[in-house]
PDB file of N, CA and C in Angstrom:
ATOM      1  N   MET A   1       0.695  -1.104   0.015  1.00  0.00           N
ATOM      2  CA  MET A   1      -0.176  -0.056   0.095  1.00  0.00           C
ATOM      3  C   MET A   1       0.436   1.393  -0.044  1.00  0.00           C
ATOM      4  N   GLN A   2       0.701   1.725  -1.406  1.00  0.00           N
ATOM      5  CA  GLN A   2       1.128   3.294  -1.093  1.00  0.00           C
ATOM      6  C   GLN A   2       0.880   4.243  -0.076  1.00  0.00           C
ATOM      7  N   ASP A   3       1.925   5.213   0.311  1.00  0.00           N
ATOM      8  CA  ASP A   3       1.400   6.592   1.292  1.00  0.00           C
ATOM      9  C   ASP A   3       0.801   7.401   0.073  1.00  0.00           C
ATOM     10  N   HIS A   4       0.171   8.284   0.774  1.00  0.00           N
ATOM     11  CA  HIS A   4      -0.497   9.516  -0.140  1.00  0.00           C
ATOM     12  C   HIS A   4       0.497  10.322  -1.340  1.00  0.00           C
ATOM     13  N   LEU A   5       1.620  10.858  -0.347  1.00  0.00           N
ATOM     14  CA  LEU A   5       2.539  11.101  -1.248  1.00  0.00           C
ATOM     15  C   LEU A   5       3.316  10.470  -2.175  1.00  0.00           C
ATOM     16  N   SER A   6       3.600   9.310  -1.953  1.00  0.00           N
ATOM     17  CA  SER A   6       4.275   8.371  -3.354  1.00  0.00           C
ATOM     18  C   SER A   6       2.731   8.081  -4.387  1.00  0.00           C
ATOM     19  N   GLN A   7       1.584   8.304  -3.943  1.00  0.00           N
ATOM     20  CA  GLN A   7       0.588   8.326  -4.797  1.00  0.00           C
ATOM     21  C   GLN A   7       0.332   9.397  -5.983  1.00  0.00           C
ATOM     22  N   THR A   8       0.529  10.695  -5.324  1.00  0.00           N
ATOM     23  CA  THR A   8       0.690  11.450  -5.595  1.00  0.00           C
ATOM     24  C   THR A   8       1.571  11.872  -6.982  1.00  0.00           C
ATOM     25  N   PHE A   9       3.191  11.255  -6.419  1.00  0.00           N
ATOM     26  CA  PHE A   9       4.066  11.486  -7.170  1.00  0.00           C
ATOM     27  C   PHE A   9       3.895  10.530  -8.259  1.00  0.00           C
ATOM     28  N   SER A  10       3.253   9.054  -8.259  1.00  0.00           N
ATOM     29  CA  SER A  10       3.142   8.499  -9.242  1.00  0.00           C
ATOM     30  C   SER A  10       2.188   9.028 -10.036  1.00  0.00           C
ATOM     31  N   ALA A  11       1.094   9.450  -9.773  1.00  0.00           N
ATOM     32  CA  ALA A  11       0.269   9.597 -10.625  1.00  0.00           C
ATOM     33  C   ALA A  11       0.756  11.110 -11.551  1.00  0.00           C
ATOM     34  N   LEU A  12       1.736  12.069 -11.058  1.00  0.00           N
ATOM     35  CA  LEU A  12       2.277  12.680 -11.604  1.00  0.00           C
ATOM     36  C   LEU A  12       3.237  12.888 -12.578  1.00  0.00           C
ATOM     37  N   ALA A  13       3.674  11.331 -12.401  1.00  0.00           N
ATOM     38  CA  ALA A  13       4.972  10.937 -13.305  1.00  0.00           C
ATOM     39  C   ALA A  13       4.565  10.557 -14.494  1.00  0.00           C
ATOM     40  N   ASP A  14       3.175  10.462 -15.049  1.00  0.00           N
ATOM     41  CA  ASP A  14       2.854  10.389 -16.218  1.00  0.00           C
ATOM     42  C   ASP A  14       2.616  11.526 -17.179  1.00  0.00           C
ATOM     43  N   PRO A  15       3.094  12.118 -18.501  1.00  0.00           N
ATOM     44  CA  PRO A  15       2.773  12.846 -18.969  1.00  0.00           C
ATOM     45  C   PRO A  15       1.404  13.078 -19.413  1.00  0.00           C
ATOM     46  N   THR A  16       0.869  11.847 -19.766  1.00  0.00           N
ATOM     47  CA  THR A  16      -0.679  12.102 -20.269  1.00  0.00           C
ATOM     48  C   THR A  16      -1.529  12.563 -18.944  1.00  0.00           C
ATOM     49  N   ARG A  17      -1.250  12.037 -17.818  1.00  0.00           N
ATOM     50  CA  ARG A  17      -2.039  12.727 -16.701  1.00  0.00           C
ATOM     51  C   ARG A  17      -1.754  13.933 -16.428  1.00  0.00           C
ATOM     52  N   ARG A  18      -0.380  14.378 -16.614  1.00  0.00           N
ATOM     53  CA  ARG A  18       0.067  15.941 -16.336  1.00  0.00           C
ATOM     54  C   ARG A  18      -0.727  16.830 -17.242  1.00  0.00           C
ATOM     55  N   ALA A  19      -0.937  16.125 -18.681  1.00  0.00           N
ATOM     56  CA  ALA A  19      -1.602  17.210 -19.885  1.00  0.00           C
ATOM     57  C   ALA A  19      -3.212  17.504 -19.234  1.00  0.00           C
ATOM     58  N   MET A  20      -3.731  16.041 -18.670  1.00  0.00           N
ATOM     59  CA  MET A  20      -4.937  16.247 -17.914  1.00  0.00           C
ATOM     60  C   MET A  20      -5.121  17.209 -16.797  1.00  0.00           C
ATOM     61  N   LEU A  21      -4.008  17.291 -16.014  1.00  0.00           N
ATOM     62  CA  LEU A  21      -4.364  18.167 -15.265  1.00  0.00           C
ATOM     63  C   LEU A  21      -4.002  19.658 -15.806  1.00  0.00           C
ATOM     64  N   ALA A  22      -2.779  19.883 -16.925  1.00  0.00           N
ATOM     65  CA  ALA A  22      -3.090  21.036 -17.387  1.00  0.00           C
ATOM     66  C   ALA A  22      -4.337  21.520 -17.811  1.00  0.00           C
ATOM     67  N   ARG A  23      -5.013  20.542 -18.452  1.00  0.00           N
ATOM     68  CA  ARG A  23      -6.159  21.217 -19.154  1.00  0.00           C
ATOM     69  C   ARG A  23      -7.501  21.498 -17.794  1.00  0.00           C
ATOM     70  N   LEU A  24      -7.189  20.547 -16.976  1.00  0.00           N
ATOM     71  CA  LEU A  24      -8.437  21.031 -15.526  1.00  0.00           C
ATOM     72  C   LEU A  24      -7.522  22.444 -15.189  1.00  0.00           C
ATOM     73  N   SER A  25      -6.651  22.742 -15.063  1.00  0.00           N
ATOM     74  CA  SER A  25      -6.183  23.794 -14.552  1.00  0.00           C
ATOM     75  C   SER A  25      -6.828  24.990 -14.974  1.00  0.00           C
ATOM     76  N   LEU A  26      -7.450  24.694 -16.478  1.00  0.00           N
ATOM     77  CA  LEU A  26      -8.251  25.941 -17.281  1.00  0.00           C
ATOM     78  C   LEU A  26      -9.641  25.937 -17.008  1.00  0.00           C
ATOM     79  N   GLY A  27      -9.941  24.904 -15.966  1.00  0.00           N
ATOM     80  CA  GLY A  27     -11.468  24.873 -15.587  1.00  0.00           C
ATOM     81  C   GLY A  27     -12.061  23.580 -15.991  1.00  0.00           C
ATOM     82  N   GLU A  28     -13.265  23.346 -15.240  1.00  0.00           N
ATOM     83  CA  GLU A  28     -13.874  21.995 -15.382  1.00  0.00           C
ATOM     84  C   GLU A  28     -14.331  21.555 -16.898  1.00  0.00           C
ATOM     85  N   ALA A  29     -14.119  20.042 -16.941  1.00  0.00           N
ATOM     86  CA  ALA A  29     -14.165  19.248 -18.335  1.00  0.00           C
ATOM     87  C   ALA A  29     -14.980  18.070 -17.813  1.00  0.00           C
ATOM     88  N   ASN A  30     -15.502  17.631 -19.080  1.00  0.00           N
ATOM     89  CA  ASN A  30     -16.169  16.699 -19.016  1.00  0.00           C
ATOM     90  C   ASN A  30     -15.305  15.573 -19.572  1.00  0.00           C
ATOM     91  N   VAL A  31     -15.471  14.177 -19.279  1.00  0.00           N
ATOM     92  CA  VAL A  31     -14.164  13.055 -19.499  1.00  0.00           C
ATOM     93  C   VAL A  31     -14.031  13.128 -21.313  1.00  0.00           C
ATOM     94  N   SER A  32     -15.247  13.426 -21.659  1.00  0.00           N
ATOM     95  CA  SER A  32     -14.941  13.155 -23.459  1.00  0.00           C
ATOM     96  C   SER A  32     -14.117  14.439 -23.975  1.00  0.00           C
ATOM     97  N   ASP A  33     -14.126  15.657 -23.118  1.00  0.00           N
ATOM     98  CA  ASP A  33     -13.336  16.683 -23.436  1.00  0.00           C
ATOM     99  C   ASP A  33     -11.762  16.253 -23.218  1.00  0.00           C
ATOM    100  N   LEU A  34     -11.354  15.661 -22.232  1.00  0.00           N
ATOM    101  CA  LEU A  34     -10.466  15.288 -21.569  1.00  0.00           C
ATOM    102  C   LEU A  34      -9.772  14.158 -22.403  1.00  0.00           C
ATOM    103  N   ALA A  35     -10.449  13.451 -22.611  1.00  0.00           N
ATOM    104  CA  ALA A  35      -9.887  12.334 -23.761  1.00  0.00           C
ATOM    105  C   ALA A  35      -9.713  12.818 -25.188  1.00  0.00           C
ATOM    106  N   GLU A  36     -10.323  13.763 -25.677  1.00  0.00           N
ATOM    107  CA  GLU A  36     -10.076  13.874 -26.994  1.00  0.00           C
ATOM    108  C   GLU A  36      -8.746  14.094 -27.519  1.00  0.00           C
ATOM    109  N   PRO A  37      -7.578  14.911 -26.789  1.00  0.00           N
ATOM    110  CA  PRO A  37      -6.310  14.993 -27.538  1.00  0.00           C
ATOM    111  C   PRO A  37      -5.804  13.476 -27.693  1.00  0.00           C
ATOM    112  N   PHE A  38      -5.805  12.677 -26.594  1.00  0.00           N
ATOM    113  CA  PHE A  38      -5.302  11.415 -26.553  1.00  0.00           C
ATOM    114  C   PHE A  38      -6.305  10.067 -27.440  1.00  0.00           C
ATOM    115  N   LEU A  39      -7.238  10.485 -27.888  1.00  0.00           N
ATOM    116  CA  LEU A  39      -7.830   9.399 -28.778  1.00  0.00           C
ATOM    117  C   LEU A  39      -7.250   8.646 -29.903  1.00  0.00           C
ATOM    118  N   GLY A  40      -6.421   9.478 -30.396  1.00  0.00           N
ATOM    119  CA  GLY A  40      -5.774   8.869 -31.470  1.00  0.00           C
ATOM    120  C   GLY A  40      -4.605   7.666 -30.798  1.00  0.00           C
ATOM    121  N   GLU A  41      -4.091   8.239 -29.810  1.00  0.00           N
ATOM    122  CA  GLU A  41      -3.285   7.167 -29.033  1.00  0.00           C
ATOM    123  C   GLU A  41      -3.383   6.039 -28.239  1.00  0.00           C
ATOM    124  N   MET A  42      -4.751   6.357 -27.648  1.00  0.00           N
ATOM    125  CA  MET A  42      -5.338   5.287 -26.653  1.00  0.00           C
ATOM    126  C   MET A  42      -6.610   5.349 -26.879  1.00  0.00           C
ATOM    127  N   SER A  43      -7.359   4.363 -26.237  1.00  0.00           N
ATOM    128  CA  SER A  43      -8.783   3.966 -26.362  1.00  0.00           C
ATOM    129  C   SER A  43      -9.047   4.794 -25.117  1.00  0.00           C
ATOM    130  N   LEU A  44     -10.467   5.175 -25.195  1.00  0.00           N
ATOM    131  CA  LEU A  44     -11.214   5.624 -24.253  1.00  0.00           C
ATOM    132  C   LEU A  44     -11.087   5.099 -22.428  1.00  0.00           C
ATOM    133  N   PRO A  45     -11.156   3.494 -22.610  1.00  0.00           N
ATOM    134  CA  PRO A  45     -10.833   3.091 -21.343  1.00  0.00           C
ATOM    135  C   PRO A  45      -9.476   3.436 -20.743  1.00  0.00           C
ATOM    136  N   ALA A  46      -8.419   3.444 -21.515  1.00  0.00           N
ATOM    137  CA  ALA A  46      -7.416   3.488 -21.197  1.00  0.00           C
ATOM    138  C   ALA A  46      -7.109   5.137 -20.568  1.00  0.00           C
ATOM    139  N   VAL A  47      -7.924   6.091 -21.058  1.00  0.00           N
ATOM    140  CA  VAL A  47      -8.047   7.566 -20.439  1.00  0.00           C
ATOM    141  C   VAL A  47      -9.095   7.536 -19.333  1.00  0.00           C
ATOM    142  N   THR A  48      -9.704   6.708 -19.279  1.00  0.00           N
ATOM    143  CA  THR A  48     -10.573   6.582 -18.095  1.00  0.00           C
ATOM    144  C   THR A  48      -9.799   5.968 -17.137  1.00  0.00           C
ATOM    145  N   LYS A  49      -8.654   4.963 -17.332  1.00  0.00           N
ATOM    146  CA  LYS A  49      -8.001   4.669 -15.870  1.00  0.00           C
ATOM    147  C   LYS A  49      -6.791   5.568 -15.677  1.00  0.00           C
ATOM    148  N   HIS A  50      -6.612   6.397 -16.846  1.00  0.00           N
ATOM    149  CA  HIS A  50      -5.741   7.909 -16.368  1.00  0.00           C
ATOM    150  C   HIS A  50      -6.465   8.627 -15.313  1.00  0.00           C
ATOM    151  N   LEU A  51      -7.902   8.980 -15.564  1.00  0.00           N
ATOM    152  CA  LEU A  51      -8.430   9.633 -14.716  1.00  0.00           C
ATOM    153  C   LEU A  51      -8.875   9.024 -13.304  1.00  0.00           C
ATOM    154  N   GLN A  52      -8.820   7.592 -13.281  1.00  0.00           N
ATOM    155  CA  GLN A  52      -8.860   7.024 -12.135  1.00  0.00           C
ATOM    156  C   GLN A  52      -7.912   7.164 -11.165  1.00  0.00           C
ATOM    157  N   VAL A  53      -6.648   7.020 -11.898  1.00  0.00           N
ATOM    158  CA  VAL A  53      -5.376   7.330 -10.898  1.00  0.00           C
ATOM    159  C   VAL A  53      -4.893   8.410 -10.533  1.00  0.00           C
ATOM    160  N   LEU A  54      -5.582   9.618 -11.331  1.00  0.00           N
ATOM    161  CA  LEU A  54      -5.709  11.139 -11.093  1.00  0.00           C
ATOM    162  C   LEU A  54      -6.695  11.402  -9.587  1.00  0.00           C
ATOM    163  N   GLU A  55      -7.794  10.790  -9.725  1.00  0.00           N
ATOM    164  CA  GLU A  55      -8.897  10.933  -8.652  1.00  0.00           C
ATOM    165  C   GLU A  55      -8.300  10.239  -7.225  1.00  0.00           C
ATOM    166  N   LYS A  56      -7.956   8.851  -7.561  1.00  0.00           N
ATOM    167  CA  LYS A  56      -7.485   8.303  -6.266  1.00  0.00           C
ATOM    168  C   LYS A  56      -6.472   8.442  -5.687  1.00  0.00           C
ATOM    169  N   ALA A  57      -5.453   9.403  -6.357  1.00  0.00           N
ATOM    170  CA  ALA A  57      -4.513  10.264  -5.704  1.00  0.00           C
ATOM    171  C   ALA A  57      -4.936  11.722  -5.270  1.00  0.00           C
ATOM    172  N   GLY A  58      -6.061  11.961  -5.434  1.00  0.00           N
ATOM    173  CA  GLY A  58      -6.862  13.071  -4.747  1.00  0.00           C
ATOM    174  C   GLY A  58      -6.573  14.378  -5.640  1.00  0.00           C
ATOM    175  N   LEU A  59      -6.259  13.973  -7.050  1.00  0.00           N
ATOM    176  CA  LEU A  59      -5.736  15.371  -7.820  1.00  0.00           C
ATOM    177  C   LEU A  59      -7.035  15.936  -8.514  1.00  0.00           C
ATOM    178  N   ILE A  60      -7.804  15.282  -9.081  1.00  0.00           N
ATOM    179  CA  ILE A  60      -8.932  15.502  -9.330  1.00  0.00           C
ATOM    180  C   ILE A  60     -10.300  15.121  -8.437  1.00  0.00           C
ATOM    181  N   THR A  61     -11.346  15.683  -8.734  1.00  0.00           N
ATOM    182  CA  THR A  61     -12.670  14.991  -8.171  1.00  0.00           C
ATOM    183  C   THR A  61     -13.671  14.740  -9.553  1.00  0.00           C
ATOM    184  N   LYS A  62     -14.533  13.841  -9.694  1.00  0.00           N
ATOM    185  CA  LYS A  62     -15.506  13.580 -10.570  1.00  0.00           C
ATOM    186  C   LYS A  62     -16.769  13.768 -10.021  1.00  0.00           C
ATOM    187  N   THR A  63     -17.767  14.047 -11.209  1.00  0.00           N
ATOM    188  CA  THR A  63     -19.080  14.182 -10.666  1.00  0.00           C
ATOM    189  C   THR A  63     -19.585  13.684 -11.769  1.00  0.00           C
ATOM    190  N   ARG A  64     -21.172  13.262 -11.527  1.00  0.00           N
ATOM    191  CA  ARG A  64     -21.482  12.532 -12.548  1.00  0.00           C
ATOM    192  C   ARG A  64     -23.244  13.321 -12.221  1.00  0.00           C
ATOM    193  N   LYS A  65     -23.684  13.536 -13.483  1.00  0.00           N
ATOM    194  CA  LYS A  65     -25.151  14.570 -13.595  1.00  0.00           C
ATOM    195  C   LYS A  65     -25.591  13.900 -14.857  1.00  0.00           C
ATOM    196  N   ALA A  66     -26.417  12.879 -14.724  1.00  0.00           N
ATOM    197  CA  ALA A  66     -27.264  12.482 -15.667  1.00  0.00           C
ATOM    198  C   ALA A  66     -25.946  11.647 -16.684  1.00  0.00           C
ATOM    199  N   GLN A  67     -25.872  11.922 -18.194  1.00  0.00           N
ATOM    200  CA  GLN A  67     -24.971  11.488 -19.200  1.00  0.00           C
ATOM    201  C   GLN A  67     -23.656  12.283 -18.729  1.00  0.00           C
ATOM    202  N   TRP A  68     -23.837  13.234 -18.035  1.00  0.00           N
ATOM    203  CA  TRP A  68     -22.452  14.397 -17.722  1.00  0.00           C
ATOM    204  C   TRP A  68     -21.684  13.760 -16.943  1.00  0.00           C
ATOM    205  N   ARG A  69     -20.563  13.536 -16.903  1.00  0.00           N
ATOM    206  CA  ARG A  69     -19.219  13.285 -15.941  1.00  0.00           C
ATOM    207  C   ARG A  69     -18.368  14.167 -16.148  1.00  0.00           C
ATOM    208  N   SER A  70     -18.308  15.165 -15.188  1.00  0.00           N
ATOM    209  CA  SER A  70     -17.241  16.049 -15.288  1.00  0.00           C
ATOM    210  C   SER A  70     -16.092  16.142 -14.282  1.00  0.00           C
ATOM    211  N   CYS A  71     -15.043  16.779 -14.776  1.00  0.00           N
ATOM    212  CA  CYS A  71     -13.959  16.620 -13.687  1.00  0.00           C
ATOM    213  C   CYS A  71     -13.270  17.827 -13.428  1.00  0.00           C
ATOM    214  N   LYS A  72     -12.932  17.996 -11.999  1.00  0.00           N
ATOM    215  CA  LYS A  72     -12.109  19.285 -11.840  1.00  0.00           C
ATOM    216  C   LYS A  72     -11.026  19.198 -10.866  1.00  0.00           C
ATOM    217  N   ILE A  73     -10.101  20.124 -11.223  1.00  0.00           N
ATOM    218  CA  ILE A  73      -8.814  19.892 -10.600  1.00  0.00           C
ATOM    219  C   ILE A  73      -9.189  19.825  -8.935  1.00  0.00           C
ATOM    220  N   ASN A  74      -8.287  19.078  -8.329  1.00  0.00           N
ATOM    221  CA  ASN A  74      -8.282  19.426  -6.516  1.00  0.00           C
ATOM    222  C   ASN A  74      -6.998  19.937  -6.178  1.00  0.00           C
ATOM    223  N   GLY A  75      -6.962  21.388  -6.096  1.00  0.00           N
ATOM    224  CA  GLY A  75      -5.556  21.777  -5.490  1.00  0.00           C
ATOM    225  C   GLY A  75      -5.185  21.545  -4.249  1.00  0.00           C
ATOM    226  N   ASP A  76      -6.313  20.968  -3.501  1.00  0.00           N
ATOM    227  CA  ASP A  76      -5.529  20.470  -2.074  1.00  0.00           C
ATOM    228  C   ASP A  76      -5.127  19.042  -2.222  1.00  0.00           C
ATOM    229  N   GLY A  77      -5.140  18.551  -3.257  1.00  0.00           N
ATOM    230  CA  GLY A  77      -4.298  17.076  -3.649  1.00  0.00           C
ATOM    231  C   GLY A  77      -2.815  17.298  -3.659  1.00  0.00           C
ATOM    232  N   LEU A  78      -2.590  18.728  -4.551  1.00  0.00           N
ATOM    233  CA  LEU A  78      -1.258  18.659  -4.704  1.00  0.00           C
ATOM    234  C   LEU A  78      -0.378  19.410  -3.525  1.00  0.00           C
ATOM    235  N   LYS A  79      -1.498  19.783  -2.631  1.00  0.00           N
ATOM    236  CA  LYS A  79      -0.788  20.659  -1.345  1.00  0.00           C
ATOM    237  C   LYS A  79       0.502  19.727  -0.536  1.00  0.00           C
ATOM    238  N   GLU A  80       0.108  18.837  -0.721  1.00  0.00           N
ATOM    239  CA  GLU A  80       1.372  17.919   0.384  1.00  0.00           C
ATOM    240  C   GLU A  80       2.479  17.852  -0.405  1.00  0.00           C
ATOM    241  N   ALA A  81       2.195  17.393  -2.108  1.00  0.00           N
ATOM    242  CA  ALA A  81       3.600  17.658  -2.530  1.00  0.00           C
ATOM    243  C   ALA A  81       4.158  18.873  -2.988  1.00  0.00           C
ATOM    244  N   ALA A  82       3.394  19.926  -2.830  1.00  0.00           N
ATOM    245  CA  ALA A  82       4.462  21.356  -2.980  1.00  0.00           C
ATOM    246  C   ALA A  82       4.643  21.486  -1.554  1.00  0.00           C
ATOM    247  N   ASP A  83       4.561  21.277  -0.595  1.00  0.00           N
ATOM    248  CA  ASP A  83       4.881  21.345   0.820  1.00  0.00           C
ATOM    249  C   ASP A  83       5.968  20.605   0.935  1.00  0.00           C
ATOM    250  N   TRP A  84       6.089  19.216   0.423  1.00  0.00           N
ATOM    251  CA  TRP A  84       7.246  18.338   0.513  1.00  0.00           C
ATOM    252  C   TRP A  84       8.336  19.297  -0.204  1.00  0.00           C
ATOM    253  N   MET A  85       8.117  19.347  -1.597  1.00  0.00           N
ATOM    254  CA  MET A  85       8.870  20.166  -2.154  1.00  0.00           C
ATOM    255  C   MET A  85       9.544  21.534  -1.855  1.00  0.00           C
ATOM    256  N   GLU A  86       8.562  22.242  -1.262  1.00  0.00           N
ATOM    257  CA  GLU A  86       9.146  23.371  -0.550  1.00  0.00           C
ATOM    258  C   GLU A  86      10.279  23.188   0.450  1.00  0.00           C
ATOM    259  N   HIS A  87      10.325  22.356   1.463  1.00  0.00           N
ATOM    260  CA  HIS A  87      11.498  21.982   2.343  1.00  0.00           C
ATOM    261  C   HIS A  87      12.467  21.831   1.184  1.00  0.00           C
ATOM    262  N   TYR A  88      12.728  21.185   0.711  1.00  0.00           N
ATOM    263  CA  TYR A  88      13.921  21.014  -0.391  1.00  0.00           C
ATOM    264  C   TYR A  88      14.043  22.116  -1.319  1.00  0.00           C
ATOM    265  N   ARG A  89      13.542  22.928  -1.599  1.00  0.00           N
ATOM    266  CA  ARG A  89      13.613  24.212  -2.507  1.00  0.00           C
ATOM    267  C   ARG A  89      14.196  25.293  -1.436  1.00  0.00           C
ATOM    268  N   VAL A  90      14.160  25.308  -0.302  1.00  0.00           N
ATOM    269  CA  VAL A  90      14.545  26.057   0.783  1.00  0.00           C
ATOM    270  C   VAL A  90      16.251  25.593   1.017  1.00  0.00           C
ATOM    271  N   PHE A  91      16.237  24.043   1.294  1.00  0.00           N
ATOM    272  CA  PHE A  91      17.622  23.639   1.490  1.00  0.00           C
ATOM    273  C   PHE A  91      18.256  23.943   0.452  1.00  0.00           C
ATOM    274  N   TRP A  92      17.989  23.807  -0.954  1.00  0.00           N
ATOM    275  CA  TRP A  92      19.009  23.911  -1.966  1.00  0.00           C
ATOM    276  C   TRP A  92      19.136  25.535  -1.965  1.00  0.00           C
ATOM    277  N   GLU A  93      17.956  26.303  -2.028  1.00  0.00           N
ATOM    278  CA  GLU A  93      18.395  27.779  -1.781  1.00  0.00           C
ATOM    279  C   GLU A  93      19.351  27.930  -1.191  1.00  0.00           C
ATOM    280  N   GLU A  94      19.192  27.880   0.258  1.00  0.00           N
ATOM    281  CA  GLU A  94      20.666  28.072   1.292  1.00  0.00           C
ATOM    282  C   GLU A  94      21.703  27.686   1.007  1.00  0.00           C
ATOM    283  N   SER A  95      21.689  26.120   0.424  1.00  0.00           N
ATOM    284  CA  SER A  95      22.935  25.640  -0.173  1.00  0.00           C
ATOM    285  C   SER A  95      23.554  26.236  -0.933  1.00  0.00           C
ATOM    286  N   PHE A  96      22.810  26.850  -2.130  1.00  0.00           N
ATOM    287  CA  PHE A  96      23.713  28.006  -3.037  1.00  0.00           C
ATOM    288  C   PHE A  96      23.966  29.320  -2.812  1.00  0.00           C
ATOM    289  N   ASP A  97      22.882  29.706  -1.937  1.00  0.00           N
ATOM    290  CA  ASP A  97      23.640  30.955  -1.245  1.00  0.00           C
ATOM    291  C   ASP A  97      24.857  30.890  -0.557  1.00  0.00           C
ATOM    292  N   ARG A  98      25.175  29.623   0.533  1.00  0.00           N
ATOM    293  CA  ARG A  98      26.342  29.669   1.174  1.00  0.00           C
ATOM    294  C   ARG A  98      27.841  29.332   0.039  1.00  0.00           C
ATOM    295  N   LEU A  99      27.353  28.668  -0.878  1.00  0.00           N
ATOM    296  CA  LEU A  99      28.199  28.051  -2.189  1.00  0.00           C
ATOM    297  C   LEU A  99      28.594  29.795  -2.857  1.00  0.00           C
ATOM    298  N   ASP A 100      27.716  30.454  -3.099  1.00  0.00           N
ATOM    299  CA  ASP A 100      27.890  31.889  -3.857  1.00  0.00           C
ATOM    300  C   ASP A 100      28.577  32.917  -2.990  1.00  0.00           C
ATOM    301  N   THR A 101      28.487  32.955  -1.735  1.00  0.00           N
ATOM    302  CA  THR A 101      29.429  33.470  -0.417  1.00  0.00           C
ATOM    303  C   THR A 101      30.643  32.957  -0.586  1.00  0.00           C
ATOM    304  N   TYR A 102      30.952  31.835  -0.578  1.00  0.00           N
ATOM    305  CA  TYR A 102      32.229  31.315  -0.413  1.00  0.00           C
ATOM    306  C   TYR A 102      33.079  31.512  -1.820  1.00  0.00           C
ATOM    307  N   LEU A 103      32.210  31.356  -2.913  1.00  0.00           N
ATOM    308  CA  LEU A 103      33.023  31.347  -4.313  1.00  0.00           C
ATOM    309  C   LEU A 103      33.514  33.081  -4.360  1.00  0.00           C
ATOM    310  N   LYS A 104      32.717  33.981  -3.782  1.00  0.00           N
ATOM    311  CA  LYS A 104      33.173  35.272  -3.925  1.00  0.00           C
ATOM    312  C   LYS A 104      34.332  35.347  -3.038  1.00  0.00           C
ATOM    313  N   THR A 105      34.465  34.781  -2.080  1.00  0.00           N
ATOM    314  CA  THR A 105      35.775  34.943  -1.073  1.00  0.00           C
ATOM    315  C   THR A 105      36.764  34.377  -1.674  1.00  0.00           C
ATOM    316  N   VAL A 106      36.695  33.325  -2.423  1.00  0.00           N
ATOM    317  CA  VAL A 106      37.974  32.674  -3.086  1.00  0.00           C
ATOM    318  C   VAL A 106      38.359  33.381  -4.743  1.00  0.00           C
ATOM    319  N   THR A 107      37.583  33.772  -5.013  1.00  0.00           N
ATOM    320  CA  THR A 107      37.788  34.462  -6.415  1.00  0.00           C
ATOM    321  C   THR A 107      37.957  35.928  -6.628  1.00  0.00           C
ATOM    322  N   ALA A 108      37.784  36.392  -5.249  1.00  0.00           N
ATOM    323  CA  ALA A 108      38.051  38.243  -5.136  1.00  0.00           C
ATOM    324  C   ALA A 108      39.273  38.257  -5.543  1.00  0.00           C
ATOM    325  N   PRO A 109      39.374  39.701  -6.313  1.00  0.00           N
ATOM    326  CA  PRO A 109      40.512  40.116  -6.298  1.00  0.00           C
ATOM    327  C   PRO A 109      41.437  40.449  -5.170  1.00  0.00           C
ATOM    328  N   PRO A 110      42.651  40.204  -4.787  1.00  0.00           N
ATOM    329  CA  PRO A 110      43.402  40.629  -3.870  1.00  0.00           C
ATOM    330  C   PRO A 110      43.445  42.175  -3.696  1.00  0.00           C
ATOM    331  N   LYS A 111      43.096  42.290  -1.910  1.00  0.00           N
ATOM    332  CA  LYS A 111      43.058  43.569  -1.519  1.00  0.00           C
ATOM    333  C   LYS A 111      44.333  44.703  -1.721  1.00  0.00           C
ATOM    334  N   LYS A 112      44.380  45.765  -1.711  1.00  0.00           N
ATOM    335  CA  LYS A 112      45.498  46.506  -1.501  1.00  0.00           C
ATOM    336  C   LYS A 112      46.615  46.114  -0.254  1.00  0.00           C
ATOM    337  N   GLY A 113      47.450  45.547  -0.594  1.00  0.00           N
ATOM    338  CA  GLY A 113      48.474  45.465   0.834  1.00  0.00           C
ATOM    339  C   GLY A 113      48.413  44.211   1.020  1.00  0.00           C
ATOM    340  N   ASP A 114      47.673  43.276   0.460  1.00  0.00           N
ATOM    341  CA  ASP A 114      47.565  41.706   0.601  1.00  0.00           C
ATOM    342  C   ASP A 114      48.435  41.128  -0.477  1.00  0.00           C
ATOM    343  N   GLU A 115      48.901  41.930  -1.699  1.00  0.00           N
ATOM    344  CA  GLU A 115      49.780  41.087  -2.446  1.00  0.00           C
ATOM    345  C   GLU A 115      51.149  40.683  -2.331  1.00  0.00           C
ATOM    346  N   ASN A 116      51.382  39.449  -2.497  1.00  0.00           N
ATOM    347  CA  ASN A 116      52.737  38.867  -2.071  1.00  0.00           C
ATOM    348  C   ASN A 116      53.577  39.174  -3.561  1.00  0.00           C
ATOM    349  N   VAL A 117      54.531  40.021  -3.432  1.00  0.00           N
ATOM    350  CA  VAL A 117      55.335  40.362  -4.537  1.00  0.00           C
ATOM    351  C   VAL A 117      56.780  39.857  -4.421  1.00  0.00           C
TER     352      VAL A 117
END
């Protein structure tokens, strides 16, 4: 059994699912609209499986009103992944800042009077 964060990253690992999320970031869409760009490459059942993975990971929600099945992005589903990445972004920014400071000290031109002739 995968933890929620692993499930999220696994869902995001596929370019088809990322494309579906990109489309949903523009607004709610029905399953047929989401499937349209991929129908030459894959079947409707395959598209539906991708949507199920996104839904199980909490990245989208699906509703059903009669024959209309709409999907919308769930921003809360991305929050845990974004928070996890933020921790490492801060770490790397601080590391690069320390490296930048160090490099400035070792590459700085010698100060007047420090020159050995």
